[in-house]
Amino acid sequence: MDSKTSRPMPTEPGILAFHERCEAFYPADAVNASIEQQRQWYDALCAEFDAPSPAGLTRRDEQVAGRIPVRHYRPADVTAETRIFYIHGGGSVVGSLESHDAICAELAHDAGAELVSVDYRLAPEHVWPAAFDDCYEVLQSLLAGGRPMVVAGDSAGGNLTAGIVLKAKSEGLSGIIGQVLIYPALGGDLVSGSYVEMAEAPGLTTADVGYYREMLKAPADNPFAHPLKASDLSGLPPAYVTAANFDPLRDDARNYAARLAQAGVDVTYREEPQMIHAWLRARHTSPGAEEGFRHLVHGVARLVGTR
């Protein structure tokens, strides 16, 4: 806890330096700015943490159903038939194919698997279920090819990942062999647990979470929008769930992982003790984030079948 500000703060120098760099591009009160300004700041932030593309990896852009942009990543060494479907974070308000390009490229390369990312419609121009429908339509299109799939996403993308996996189960859609939830937003109550303990955490506050929910306007009782509201998690594919300790969303991940395990789902849960929300971008500058990314890659590779 930072005694000067009463904010919970990690002590690892690398993640503190990362947070300081983030706020230089994307201020703590960014949600008070216009949507256009938020997106400009976020794009600049993502560019600041860009990284070189892995050697030999190729990209190919196309559209699903003539309207949903996707990007295919093929690493130089593909060792699995299974593909990864990646859904980016950004509170359902910011983010794009470009914002998570380096993350997707490295994940595909390190896991030895092809990866497809999606540029879904954003709020507030497109409220729920627009993004959900886009992701589910891409999922159906990819599975129609007959190859198995691991669905992965961070933050709001983790929400969409859990939601479309739940819908796929309810509709009997086969082919999903794993799900990866990275500091996901899963519909916790905002008034207990980490939403109180980490209400003023660096990088994401509980008030920010409330803002993003208001922008998205998802029905409060819909389990596809709020996966923690789902009554039955049995029969879901194996999961890798990772959370950051200094994050109001921490207990969403904890509680969902626990419920998956109670339902008989094979689940691996990892909590990064010194990490804050969005630590994926710190994987080259913070020892804790580097370690977390290494474990994430191993978890994804195990689900894909390359480890």
C-alpha atoms as a PDB file:
ATOM      1  CA  MET A   1       0.000   0.000   0.000  1.00  0.00           C
ATOM      2  CA  ASP A   2       1.304   3.435  -0.937  1.00  0.00           C
ATOM      3  CA  SER A   3       0.991   5.427   2.323  1.00  0.00           C
ATOM      4  CA  LYS A   4       1.019   8.764   0.511  1.00  0.00           C
ATOM      5  CA  THR A   5      -1.916   8.023  -1.733  1.00  0.00           C
ATOM      6  CA  SER A   6      -3.608   5.085   0.054  1.00  0.00           C
ATOM      7  CA  ARG A   7      -3.406   3.218  -3.249  1.00  0.00           C
ATOM      8  CA  PRO A   8      -2.387  -0.440  -3.338  1.00  0.00           C
ATOM      9  CA  MET A   9       0.936  -0.545  -5.137  1.00  0.00           C
ATOM     10  CA  PRO A  10       3.352  -3.310  -6.121  1.00  0.00           C
ATOM     11  CA  THR A  11       7.005  -3.011  -5.155  1.00  0.00           C
ATOM     12  CA  GLU A  12       8.709  -4.533  -8.199  1.00  0.00           C
ATOM     13  CA  PRO A  13      10.679  -1.693  -9.864  1.00  0.00           C
ATOM     14  CA  GLY A  14      10.044  -3.013 -13.355  1.00  0.00           C
ATOM     15  CA  ILE A  15       6.251  -2.952 -13.134  1.00  0.00           C
ATOM     16  CA  LEU A  16       6.316   0.444 -11.379  1.00  0.00           C
ATOM     17  CA  ALA A  17       8.387   1.858 -14.229  1.00  0.00           C
ATOM     18  CA  PHE A  18       5.971   0.280 -16.709  1.00  0.00           C
ATOM     19  CA  HIS A  19       3.014   1.943 -14.973  1.00  0.00           C
ATOM     20  CA  GLU A  20       4.759   5.310 -15.045  1.00  0.00           C
ATOM     21  CA  ARG A  21       5.396   4.972 -18.780  1.00  0.00           C
ATOM     22  CA  CYS A  22       1.766   3.986 -19.333  1.00  0.00           C
ATOM     23  CA  GLU A  23       0.426   7.060 -17.566  1.00  0.00           C
ATOM     24  CA  ALA A  24       2.625   9.273 -19.742  1.00  0.00           C
ATOM     25  CA  PHE A  25       0.557   8.084 -22.720  1.00  0.00           C
ATOM     26  CA  TYR A  26      -2.754   7.059 -21.160  1.00  0.00           C
ATOM     27  CA  PRO A  27      -3.544   9.155 -18.050  1.00  0.00           C
ATOM     28  CA  ALA A  28      -5.239   7.683 -15.000  1.00  0.00           C
ATOM     29  CA  ASP A  29      -8.375   9.739 -15.676  1.00  0.00           C
ATOM     30  CA  ALA A  30      -8.558   8.783 -19.345  1.00  0.00           C
ATOM     31  CA  VAL A  31     -12.182   7.670 -19.053  1.00  0.00           C
ATOM     32  CA  ASN A  32     -13.143  11.312 -18.501  1.00  0.00           C
ATOM     33  CA  ALA A  33     -11.931  12.204 -21.988  1.00  0.00           C
ATOM     34  CA  SER A  34     -13.823  11.807 -25.254  1.00  0.00           C
ATOM     35  CA  ILE A  35     -13.931   8.376 -26.888  1.00  0.00           C
ATOM     36  CA  GLU A  36     -11.824   9.683 -29.763  1.00  0.00           C
ATOM     37  CA  GLN A  37      -9.181  10.997 -27.363  1.00  0.00           C
ATOM     38  CA  GLN A  38      -9.158   7.737 -25.389  1.00  0.00           C
ATOM     39  CA  ARG A  39      -8.485   5.795 -28.584  1.00  0.00           C
ATOM     40  CA  GLN A  40      -5.714   8.148 -29.658  1.00  0.00           C
ATOM     41  CA  TRP A  41      -4.030   7.820 -26.270  1.00  0.00           C
ATOM     42  CA  TYR A  42      -4.426   4.045 -26.288  1.00  0.00           C
ATOM     43  CA  ASP A  43      -2.975   3.712 -29.785  1.00  0.00           C
ATOM     44  CA  ALA A  44       0.031   5.800 -28.712  1.00  0.00           C
ATOM     45  CA  LEU A  45       0.463   3.639 -25.610  1.00  0.00           C
ATOM     46  CA  CYS A  46       0.393   0.442 -27.648  1.00  0.00           C
ATOM     47  CA  ALA A  47       2.919   1.847 -30.109  1.00  0.00           C
ATOM     48  CA  GLU A  48       5.227   2.688 -27.186  1.00  0.00           C
ATOM     49  CA  PHE A  49       5.340  -0.980 -26.180  1.00  0.00           C
ATOM     50  CA  ASP A  50       5.575  -2.457 -29.674  1.00  0.00           C
ATOM     51  CA  ALA A  51       8.168  -5.176 -30.187  1.00  0.00           C
ATOM     52  CA  PRO A  52      10.023  -6.695 -33.149  1.00  0.00           C
ATOM     53  CA  SER A  53       8.197  -9.427 -35.014  1.00  0.00           C
ATOM     54  CA  PRO A  54       9.506 -12.981 -34.498  1.00  0.00           C
ATOM     55  CA  ALA A  55      11.715 -14.150 -37.363  1.00  0.00           C
ATOM     56  CA  GLY A  56       9.828 -15.955 -40.088  1.00  0.00           C
ATOM     57  CA  LEU A  57       6.349 -15.141 -38.815  1.00  0.00           C
ATOM     58  CA  THR A  58       3.858 -14.045 -41.471  1.00  0.00           C
ATOM     59  CA  ARG A  59       0.602 -12.093 -41.216  1.00  0.00           C
ATOM     60  CA  ARG A  60      -2.464 -12.130 -43.455  1.00  0.00           C
ATOM     61  CA  ASP A  61      -5.499  -9.870 -43.081  1.00  0.00           C
ATOM     62  CA  GLU A  62      -8.974 -10.714 -44.318  1.00  0.00           C
ATOM     63  CA  GLN A  63     -12.634 -10.235 -43.427  1.00  0.00           C
ATOM     64  CA  VAL A  64     -15.077 -12.797 -42.082  1.00  0.00           C
ATOM     65  CA  ALA A  65     -18.576 -12.584 -43.533  1.00  0.00           C
ATOM     66  CA  GLY A  66     -17.387  -9.629 -45.590  1.00  0.00           C
ATOM     67  CA  ARG A  67     -17.348  -7.279 -42.597  1.00  0.00           C
ATOM     68  CA  ILE A  68     -15.335  -8.490 -39.569  1.00  0.00           C
ATOM     69  CA  PRO A  69     -11.572  -7.864 -39.904  1.00  0.00           C
ATOM     70  CA  VAL A  70      -9.292 -10.651 -38.720  1.00  0.00           C
ATOM     71  CA  ARG A  71      -5.536 -11.195 -38.852  1.00  0.00           C
ATOM     72  CA  HIS A  72      -3.883 -14.585 -39.325  1.00  0.00           C
ATOM     73  CA  TYR A  73      -0.453 -15.204 -37.798  1.00  0.00           C
ATOM     74  CA  ARG A  74       1.652 -18.131 -38.954  1.00  0.00           C
ATOM     75  CA  PRO A  75       4.963 -18.684 -37.151  1.00  0.00           C
ATOM     76  CA  ALA A  76       7.937 -20.122 -38.967  1.00  0.00           C
ATOM     77  CA  ASP A  77       7.621 -23.363 -37.023  1.00  0.00           C
ATOM     78  CA  VAL A  78       4.035 -24.635 -36.661  1.00  0.00           C
ATOM     79  CA  THR A  79       3.886 -27.817 -34.623  1.00  0.00           C
ATOM     80  CA  ALA A  80       0.146 -28.208 -34.030  1.00  0.00           C
ATOM     81  CA  GLU A  81      -3.039 -28.479 -36.055  1.00  0.00           C
ATOM     82  CA  THR A  82      -4.879 -26.517 -33.350  1.00  0.00           C
ATOM     83  CA  ARG A  83      -5.249 -22.775 -33.864  1.00  0.00           C
ATOM     84  CA  ILE A  84      -5.530 -19.989 -31.302  1.00  0.00           C
ATOM     85  CA  PHE A  85      -8.366 -17.477 -31.610  1.00  0.00           C
ATOM     86  CA  TYR A  86      -7.303 -14.307 -29.759  1.00  0.00           C
ATOM     87  CA  ILE A  87      -9.687 -11.556 -28.606  1.00  0.00           C
ATOM     88  CA  HIS A  88      -8.059  -8.297 -27.515  1.00  0.00           C
ATOM     89  CA  GLY A  89      -8.848  -6.241 -24.424  1.00  0.00           C
ATOM     90  CA  GLY A  90      -9.543  -2.543 -24.040  1.00  0.00           C
ATOM     91  CA  GLY A  91     -12.742  -2.268 -22.024  1.00  0.00           C
ATOM     92  CA  SER A  92     -14.777  -2.916 -25.204  1.00  0.00           C
ATOM     93  CA  VAL A  93     -14.082   0.773 -25.972  1.00  0.00           C
ATOM     94  CA  VAL A  94     -10.488   0.830 -27.279  1.00  0.00           C
ATOM     95  CA  GLY A  95      -8.237  -1.679 -29.023  1.00  0.00           C
ATOM     96  CA  SER A  96      -7.778  -3.105 -32.513  1.00  0.00           C
ATOM     97  CA  LEU A  97      -5.775  -5.572 -34.560  1.00  0.00           C
ATOM     98  CA  GLU A  98      -2.801  -3.229 -34.181  1.00  0.00           C
ATOM     99  CA  SER A  99      -3.048  -2.736 -30.407  1.00  0.00           C
ATOM    100  CA  HIS A 100      -2.278  -6.382 -29.648  1.00  0.00           C
ATOM    101  CA  ASP A 101      -0.292  -7.245 -32.770  1.00  0.00           C
ATOM    102  CA  ALA A 102       3.054  -7.833 -31.039  1.00  0.00           C
ATOM    103  CA  ILE A 103       1.423  -9.841 -28.251  1.00  0.00           C
ATOM    104  CA  CYS A 104      -0.370 -12.067 -30.761  1.00  0.00           C
ATOM    105  CA  ALA A 105       2.766 -12.526 -32.850  1.00  0.00           C
ATOM    106  CA  GLU A 106       4.865 -13.594 -29.863  1.00  0.00           C
ATOM    107  CA  LEU A 107       2.165 -15.869 -28.483  1.00  0.00           C
ATOM    108  CA  ALA A 108       1.814 -17.643 -31.839  1.00  0.00           C
ATOM    109  CA  HIS A 109       5.577 -17.968 -32.219  1.00  0.00           C
ATOM    110  CA  ASP A 110       6.278 -19.124 -28.683  1.00  0.00           C
ATOM    111  CA  ALA A 111       3.384 -21.605 -28.631  1.00  0.00           C
ATOM    112  CA  GLY A 112       4.205 -22.951 -32.098  1.00  0.00           C
ATOM    113  CA  ALA A 113       0.662 -22.514 -33.386  1.00  0.00           C
ATOM    114  CA  GLU A 114      -1.249 -20.427 -35.896  1.00  0.00           C
ATOM    115  CA  LEU A 115      -3.264 -17.620 -34.344  1.00  0.00           C
ATOM    116  CA  VAL A 116      -6.192 -15.530 -35.557  1.00  0.00           C
ATOM    117  CA  SER A 117      -7.119 -12.198 -33.950  1.00  0.00           C
ATOM    118  CA  VAL A 118     -10.341 -10.250 -34.459  1.00  0.00           C
ATOM    119  CA  ASP A 119     -11.192  -6.553 -34.774  1.00  0.00           C
ATOM    120  CA  TYR A 120     -14.672  -6.565 -33.222  1.00  0.00           C
ATOM    121  CA  ARG A 121     -17.008  -3.570 -33.052  1.00  0.00           C
ATOM    122  CA  LEU A 122     -16.466  -1.237 -30.106  1.00  0.00           C
ATOM    123  CA  ALA A 123     -18.737   0.569 -27.656  1.00  0.00           C
ATOM    124  CA  PRO A 124     -20.276   3.061 -27.232  1.00  0.00           C
ATOM    125  CA  GLU A 125     -21.030   3.210 -30.968  1.00  0.00           C
ATOM    126  CA  HIS A 126     -21.894  -0.485 -30.885  1.00  0.00           C
ATOM    127  CA  VAL A 127     -23.321  -1.684 -27.562  1.00  0.00           C
ATOM    128  CA  TRP A 128     -23.742  -5.294 -26.461  1.00  0.00           C
ATOM    129  CA  PRO A 129     -24.116  -7.771 -28.155  1.00  0.00           C
ATOM    130  CA  ALA A 130     -22.273  -6.334 -31.187  1.00  0.00           C
ATOM    131  CA  ALA A 131     -18.756  -7.326 -30.081  1.00  0.00           C
ATOM    132  CA  PHE A 132     -20.021 -10.651 -28.736  1.00  0.00           C
ATOM    133  CA  ASP A 133     -21.805 -11.441 -32.009  1.00  0.00           C
ATOM    134  CA  ASP A 134     -18.715 -10.528 -34.051  1.00  0.00           C
ATOM    135  CA  CYS A 135     -16.501 -12.831 -32.005  1.00  0.00           C
ATOM    136  CA  TYR A 136     -18.987 -15.680 -32.078  1.00  0.00           C
ATOM    137  CA  GLU A 137     -19.393 -15.365 -35.851  1.00  0.00           C
ATOM    138  CA  VAL A 138     -15.615 -15.534 -36.323  1.00  0.00           C
ATOM    139  CA  LEU A 139     -15.468 -18.525 -33.975  1.00  0.00           C
ATOM    140  CA  GLN A 140     -18.106 -20.358 -36.024  1.00  0.00           C
ATOM    141  CA  SER A 141     -16.267 -19.537 -39.248  1.00  0.00           C
ATOM    142  CA  LEU A 142     -12.951 -20.824 -37.929  1.00  0.00           C
ATOM    143  CA  LEU A 143     -14.438 -24.008 -36.490  1.00  0.00           C
ATOM    144  CA  ALA A 144     -16.191 -24.719 -39.784  1.00  0.00           C
ATOM    145  CA  GLY A 145     -12.749 -25.512 -41.187  1.00  0.00           C
ATOM    146  CA  GLY A 146     -12.625 -28.596 -38.972  1.00  0.00           C
ATOM    147  CA  ARG A 147      -9.501 -27.688 -37.021  1.00  0.00           C
ATOM    148  CA  PRO A 148      -9.538 -27.613 -33.199  1.00  0.00           C
ATOM    149  CA  MET A 149      -9.395 -24.239 -31.483  1.00  0.00           C
ATOM    150  CA  VAL A 150      -8.141 -22.666 -28.266  1.00  0.00           C
ATOM    151  CA  VAL A 151      -9.905 -19.378 -27.540  1.00  0.00           C
ATOM    152  CA  ALA A 152      -7.930 -16.743 -25.631  1.00  0.00           C
ATOM    153  CA  GLY A 153      -8.411 -13.152 -24.573  1.00  0.00           C
ATOM    154  CA  ASP A 154      -7.287 -10.488 -22.120  1.00  0.00           C
ATOM    155  CA  SER A 155      -9.454  -8.203 -19.971  1.00  0.00           C
ATOM    156  CA  ALA A 156     -12.594  -7.396 -22.007  1.00  0.00           C
ATOM    157  CA  GLY A 157     -11.326 -10.011 -24.449  1.00  0.00           C
ATOM    158  CA  GLY A 158     -11.277 -12.499 -21.582  1.00  0.00           C
ATOM    159  CA  ASN A 159     -14.917 -11.664 -20.983  1.00  0.00           C
ATOM    160  CA  LEU A 160     -15.731 -12.294 -24.634  1.00  0.00           C
ATOM    161  CA  THR A 161     -13.708 -15.497 -24.595  1.00  0.00           C
ATOM    162  CA  ALA A 162     -15.573 -16.945 -21.620  1.00  0.00           C
ATOM    163  CA  GLY A 163     -18.898 -15.772 -23.055  1.00  0.00           C
ATOM    164  CA  ILE A 164     -18.547 -17.294 -26.504  1.00  0.00           C
ATOM    165  CA  VAL A 165     -17.238 -20.545 -25.014  1.00  0.00           C
ATOM    166  CA  LEU A 166     -20.368 -20.703 -22.865  1.00  0.00           C
ATOM    167  CA  LYS A 167     -22.573 -20.042 -25.891  1.00  0.00           C
ATOM    168  CA  ALA A 168     -20.724 -22.662 -27.947  1.00  0.00           C
ATOM    169  CA  LYS A 169     -21.430 -25.206 -25.222  1.00  0.00           C
ATOM    170  CA  SER A 170     -25.115 -24.240 -25.075  1.00  0.00           C
ATOM    171  CA  GLU A 171     -25.457 -24.611 -28.850  1.00  0.00           C
ATOM    172  CA  GLY A 172     -23.472 -27.843 -29.091  1.00  0.00           C
ATOM    173  CA  LEU A 173     -20.714 -26.248 -31.177  1.00  0.00           C
ATOM    174  CA  SER A 174     -17.744 -28.612 -31.086  1.00  0.00           C
ATOM    175  CA  GLY A 175     -14.054 -28.050 -31.696  1.00  0.00           C
ATOM    176  CA  ILE A 176     -13.029 -25.789 -28.797  1.00  0.00           C
ATOM    177  CA  ILE A 177     -10.398 -27.697 -26.847  1.00  0.00           C
ATOM    178  CA  GLY A 178      -9.239 -24.931 -24.508  1.00  0.00           C
ATOM    179  CA  GLN A 179      -9.906 -21.446 -23.181  1.00  0.00           C
ATOM    180  CA  VAL A 180      -7.384 -18.907 -21.898  1.00  0.00           C
ATOM    181  CA  LEU A 181      -8.580 -16.039 -19.696  1.00  0.00           C
ATOM    182  CA  ILE A 182      -6.015 -13.307 -19.015  1.00  0.00           C
ATOM    183  CA  TYR A 183      -7.028 -10.916 -16.193  1.00  0.00           C
ATOM    184  CA  PRO A 184     -10.630 -11.268 -17.426  1.00  0.00           C
ATOM    185  CA  ALA A 185     -13.646  -9.108 -16.590  1.00  0.00           C
ATOM    186  CA  LEU A 186     -16.347 -11.643 -15.766  1.00  0.00           C
ATOM    187  CA  GLY A 187     -19.124  -9.676 -14.103  1.00  0.00           C
ATOM    188  CA  GLY A 188     -18.206  -9.427 -10.417  1.00  0.00           C
ATOM    189  CA  ASP A 189     -20.361  -7.267  -8.150  1.00  0.00           C
ATOM    190  CA  LEU A 190     -18.054  -4.172  -7.884  1.00  0.00           C
ATOM    191  CA  VAL A 191     -18.723  -3.880  -4.117  1.00  0.00           C
ATOM    192  CA  SER A 192     -16.762  -6.727  -2.531  1.00  0.00           C
ATOM    193  CA  GLY A 193     -13.436  -8.539  -2.575  1.00  0.00           C
ATOM    194  CA  SER A 194     -10.820  -7.163  -4.952  1.00  0.00           C
ATOM    195  CA  TYR A 195     -13.277  -4.542  -6.232  1.00  0.00           C
ATOM    196  CA  VAL A 196     -12.929  -2.951  -2.778  1.00  0.00           C
ATOM    197  CA  GLU A 197      -9.385  -3.996  -1.858  1.00  0.00           C
ATOM    198  CA  MET A 198      -7.981  -2.909  -5.242  1.00  0.00           C
ATOM    199  CA  ALA A 199     -10.507  -0.161  -5.987  1.00  0.00           C
ATOM    200  CA  GLU A 200      -7.702   2.361  -6.603  1.00  0.00           C
ATOM    201  CA  ALA A 201      -5.149  -0.023  -8.096  1.00  0.00           C
ATOM    202  CA  PRO A 202      -2.701   1.374 -10.646  1.00  0.00           C
ATOM    203  CA  GLY A 203      -3.683   0.829 -14.264  1.00  0.00           C
ATOM    204  CA  LEU A 204      -7.365   0.052 -13.654  1.00  0.00           C
ATOM    205  CA  THR A 205      -9.755   1.160 -10.921  1.00  0.00           C
ATOM    206  CA  THR A 206     -13.135  -0.178  -9.908  1.00  0.00           C
ATOM    207  CA  ALA A 207     -14.642   3.087 -11.166  1.00  0.00           C
ATOM    208  CA  ASP A 208     -13.063   2.389 -14.563  1.00  0.00           C
ATOM    209  CA  VAL A 209     -14.683  -1.048 -14.626  1.00  0.00           C
ATOM    210  CA  GLY A 210     -18.046   0.561 -13.899  1.00  0.00           C
ATOM    211  CA  TYR A 211     -17.483   3.071 -16.697  1.00  0.00           C
ATOM    212  CA  TYR A 212     -16.737   0.370 -19.252  1.00  0.00           C
ATOM    213  CA  ARG A 213     -19.831  -1.571 -18.228  1.00  0.00           C
ATOM    214  CA  GLU A 214     -21.939   1.540 -18.706  1.00  0.00           C
ATOM    215  CA  MET A 215     -20.459   2.040 -22.184  1.00  0.00           C
ATOM    216  CA  LEU A 216     -21.184  -1.568 -23.174  1.00  0.00           C
ATOM    217  CA  LYS A 217     -24.743  -1.706 -21.770  1.00  0.00           C
ATOM    218  CA  ALA A 218     -24.861  -5.508 -21.497  1.00  0.00           C
ATOM    219  CA  PRO A 219     -27.904  -7.026 -19.743  1.00  0.00           C
ATOM    220  CA  ALA A 220     -27.058  -7.530 -16.079  1.00  0.00           C
ATOM    221  CA  ASP A 221     -28.523 -11.032 -15.948  1.00  0.00           C
ATOM    222  CA  ASN A 222     -27.058 -12.437 -19.169  1.00  0.00           C
ATOM    223  CA  PRO A 223     -24.435 -15.130 -18.454  1.00  0.00           C
ATOM    224  CA  PHE A 224     -22.817 -14.707 -21.861  1.00  0.00           C
ATOM    225  CA  ALA A 225     -22.136 -11.061 -20.952  1.00  0.00           C
ATOM    226  CA  HIS A 226     -21.325 -11.827 -17.284  1.00  0.00           C
ATOM    227  CA  PRO A 227     -19.948 -15.394 -17.168  1.00  0.00           C
ATOM    228  CA  LEU A 228     -19.893 -15.481 -13.362  1.00  0.00           C
ATOM    229  CA  LYS A 229     -23.713 -15.467 -13.608  1.00  0.00           C
ATOM    230  CA  ALA A 230     -23.693 -18.784 -15.483  1.00  0.00           C
ATOM    231  CA  SER A 231     -25.439 -21.484 -13.463  1.00  0.00           C
ATOM    232  CA  ASP A 232     -23.628 -24.487 -14.941  1.00  0.00           C
ATOM    233  CA  LEU A 233     -19.966 -24.561 -15.943  1.00  0.00           C
ATOM    234  CA  SER A 234     -19.717 -28.328 -16.359  1.00  0.00           C
ATOM    235  CA  GLY A 235     -18.623 -29.650 -19.711  1.00  0.00           C
ATOM    236  CA  LEU A 236     -16.578 -26.586 -20.614  1.00  0.00           C
ATOM    237  CA  PRO A 237     -13.142 -27.033 -22.226  1.00  0.00           C
ATOM    238  CA  PRO A 238      -9.962 -27.018 -20.124  1.00  0.00           C
ATOM    239  CA  ALA A 239      -8.871 -23.553 -19.020  1.00  0.00           C
ATOM    240  CA  TYR A 240      -5.787 -21.526 -18.213  1.00  0.00           C
ATOM    241  CA  VAL A 241      -6.741 -18.525 -16.083  1.00  0.00           C
ATOM    242  CA  THR A 242      -4.286 -15.848 -14.994  1.00  0.00           C
ATOM    243  CA  ALA A 243      -4.864 -12.812 -12.793  1.00  0.00           C
ATOM    244  CA  ALA A 244      -2.898  -9.846 -11.469  1.00  0.00           C
ATOM    245  CA  ASN A 245      -2.864  -9.308  -7.709  1.00  0.00           C
ATOM    246  CA  PHE A 246      -3.057  -5.509  -8.009  1.00  0.00           C
ATOM    247  CA  ASP A 247      -6.210  -5.473 -10.117  1.00  0.00           C
ATOM    248  CA  PRO A 248      -9.881  -4.975  -9.180  1.00  0.00           C
ATOM    249  CA  LEU A 249     -10.679  -7.816 -11.618  1.00  0.00           C
ATOM    250  CA  ARG A 250      -8.512 -10.263  -9.658  1.00  0.00           C
ATOM    251  CA  ASP A 251     -11.372 -11.997  -7.863  1.00  0.00           C
ATOM    252  CA  ASP A 252     -13.365 -12.423 -11.085  1.00  0.00           C
ATOM    253  CA  ALA A 253     -10.550 -14.679 -12.277  1.00  0.00           C
ATOM    254  CA  ARG A 254     -10.153 -16.386  -8.883  1.00  0.00           C
ATOM    255  CA  ASN A 255     -13.850 -17.096  -8.520  1.00  0.00           C
ATOM    256  CA  TYR A 256     -14.381 -18.282 -12.084  1.00  0.00           C
ATOM    257  CA  ALA A 257     -11.373 -20.601 -11.907  1.00  0.00           C
ATOM    258  CA  ALA A 258     -12.672 -22.036  -8.633  1.00  0.00           C
ATOM    259  CA  ARG A 259     -16.121 -22.592 -10.089  1.00  0.00           C
ATOM    260  CA  LEU A 260     -14.646 -24.267 -13.171  1.00  0.00           C
ATOM    261  CA  ALA A 261     -12.706 -26.631 -10.924  1.00  0.00           C
ATOM    262  CA  GLN A 262     -15.790 -27.348  -8.814  1.00  0.00           C
ATOM    263  CA  ALA A 263     -17.659 -28.189 -12.027  1.00  0.00           C
ATOM    264  CA  GLY A 264     -15.029 -30.770 -12.958  1.00  0.00           C
ATOM    265  CA  VAL A 265     -13.253 -28.685 -15.597  1.00  0.00           C
ATOM    266  CA  ASP A 266      -9.479 -29.086 -15.931  1.00  0.00           C
ATOM    267  CA  VAL A 267      -8.249 -25.625 -14.923  1.00  0.00           C
ATOM    268  CA  THR A 268      -4.867 -24.085 -14.224  1.00  0.00           C
ATOM    269  CA  TYR A 269      -4.978 -20.865 -12.227  1.00  0.00           C
ATOM    270  CA  ARG A 270      -2.033 -18.539 -11.799  1.00  0.00           C
ATOM    271  CA  GLU A 271      -1.942 -15.205  -9.968  1.00  0.00           C
ATOM    272  CA  GLU A 272       0.921 -12.814 -10.604  1.00  0.00           C
ATOM    273  CA  PRO A 273       1.735 -11.391  -7.135  1.00  0.00           C
ATOM    274  CA  GLN A 274       3.436  -8.169  -8.253  1.00  0.00           C
ATOM    275  CA  MET A 275       1.483  -7.492 -11.423  1.00  0.00           C
ATOM    276  CA  ILE A 276      -1.117  -4.862 -12.309  1.00  0.00           C
ATOM    277  CA  HIS A 277      -3.801  -4.921 -14.977  1.00  0.00           C
ATOM    278  CA  ALA A 278      -2.472  -5.070 -18.572  1.00  0.00           C
ATOM    279  CA  TRP A 279       0.876  -6.526 -17.502  1.00  0.00           C
ATOM    280  CA  LEU A 280       1.200  -8.365 -20.829  1.00  0.00           C
ATOM    281  CA  ARG A 281       2.674  -5.163 -22.263  1.00  0.00           C
ATOM    282  CA  ALA A 282       5.421  -5.231 -19.615  1.00  0.00           C
ATOM    283  CA  ARG A 283       6.686  -8.684 -20.605  1.00  0.00           C
ATOM    284  CA  HIS A 284       9.987  -7.256 -21.933  1.00  0.00           C
ATOM    285  CA  THR A 285      10.612  -4.770 -19.116  1.00  0.00           C
ATOM    286  CA  SER A 286       9.357  -6.372 -15.885  1.00  0.00           C
ATOM    287  CA  PRO A 287      10.759  -9.619 -14.462  1.00  0.00           C
ATOM    288  CA  GLY A 288       7.353 -10.505 -13.018  1.00  0.00           C
ATOM    289  CA  ALA A 289       5.605  -9.903 -16.327  1.00  0.00           C
ATOM    290  CA  GLU A 290       8.290 -11.864 -18.177  1.00  0.00           C
ATOM    291  CA  GLU A 291       7.718 -14.788 -15.823  1.00  0.00           C
ATOM    292  CA  GLY A 292       3.941 -14.470 -16.149  1.00  0.00           C
ATOM    293  CA  PHE A 293       4.177 -14.460 -19.944  1.00  0.00           C
ATOM    294  CA  ARG A 294       6.417 -17.521 -19.879  1.00  0.00           C
ATOM    295  CA  HIS A 295       3.835 -19.398 -17.820  1.00  0.00           C
ATOM    296  CA  LEU A 296       1.052 -18.122 -20.086  1.00  0.00           C
ATOM    297  CA  VAL A 297       2.839 -19.428 -23.161  1.00  0.00           C
ATOM    298  CA  HIS A 298       3.343 -22.790 -21.472  1.00  0.00           C
ATOM    299  CA  GLY A 299      -0.332 -22.910 -20.520  1.00  0.00           C
ATOM    300  CA  VAL A 300      -1.437 -22.065 -24.049  1.00  0.00           C
ATOM    301  CA  ALA A 301       1.024 -24.528 -25.571  1.00  0.00           C
ATOM    302  CA  ARG A 302      -0.239 -27.299 -23.280  1.00  0.00           C
ATOM    303  CA  LEU A 303      -3.825 -26.659 -24.401  1.00  0.00           C
ATOM    304  CA  VAL A 304      -2.777 -26.445 -28.061  1.00  0.00           C
ATOM    305  CA  GLY A 305      -0.760 -29.636 -27.711  1.00  0.00           C
ATOM    306  CA  THR A 306       2.749 -28.385 -28.441  1.00  0.00           C
ATOM    307  CA  ARG A 307       4.060 -28.976 -24.884  1.00  0.00           C
END
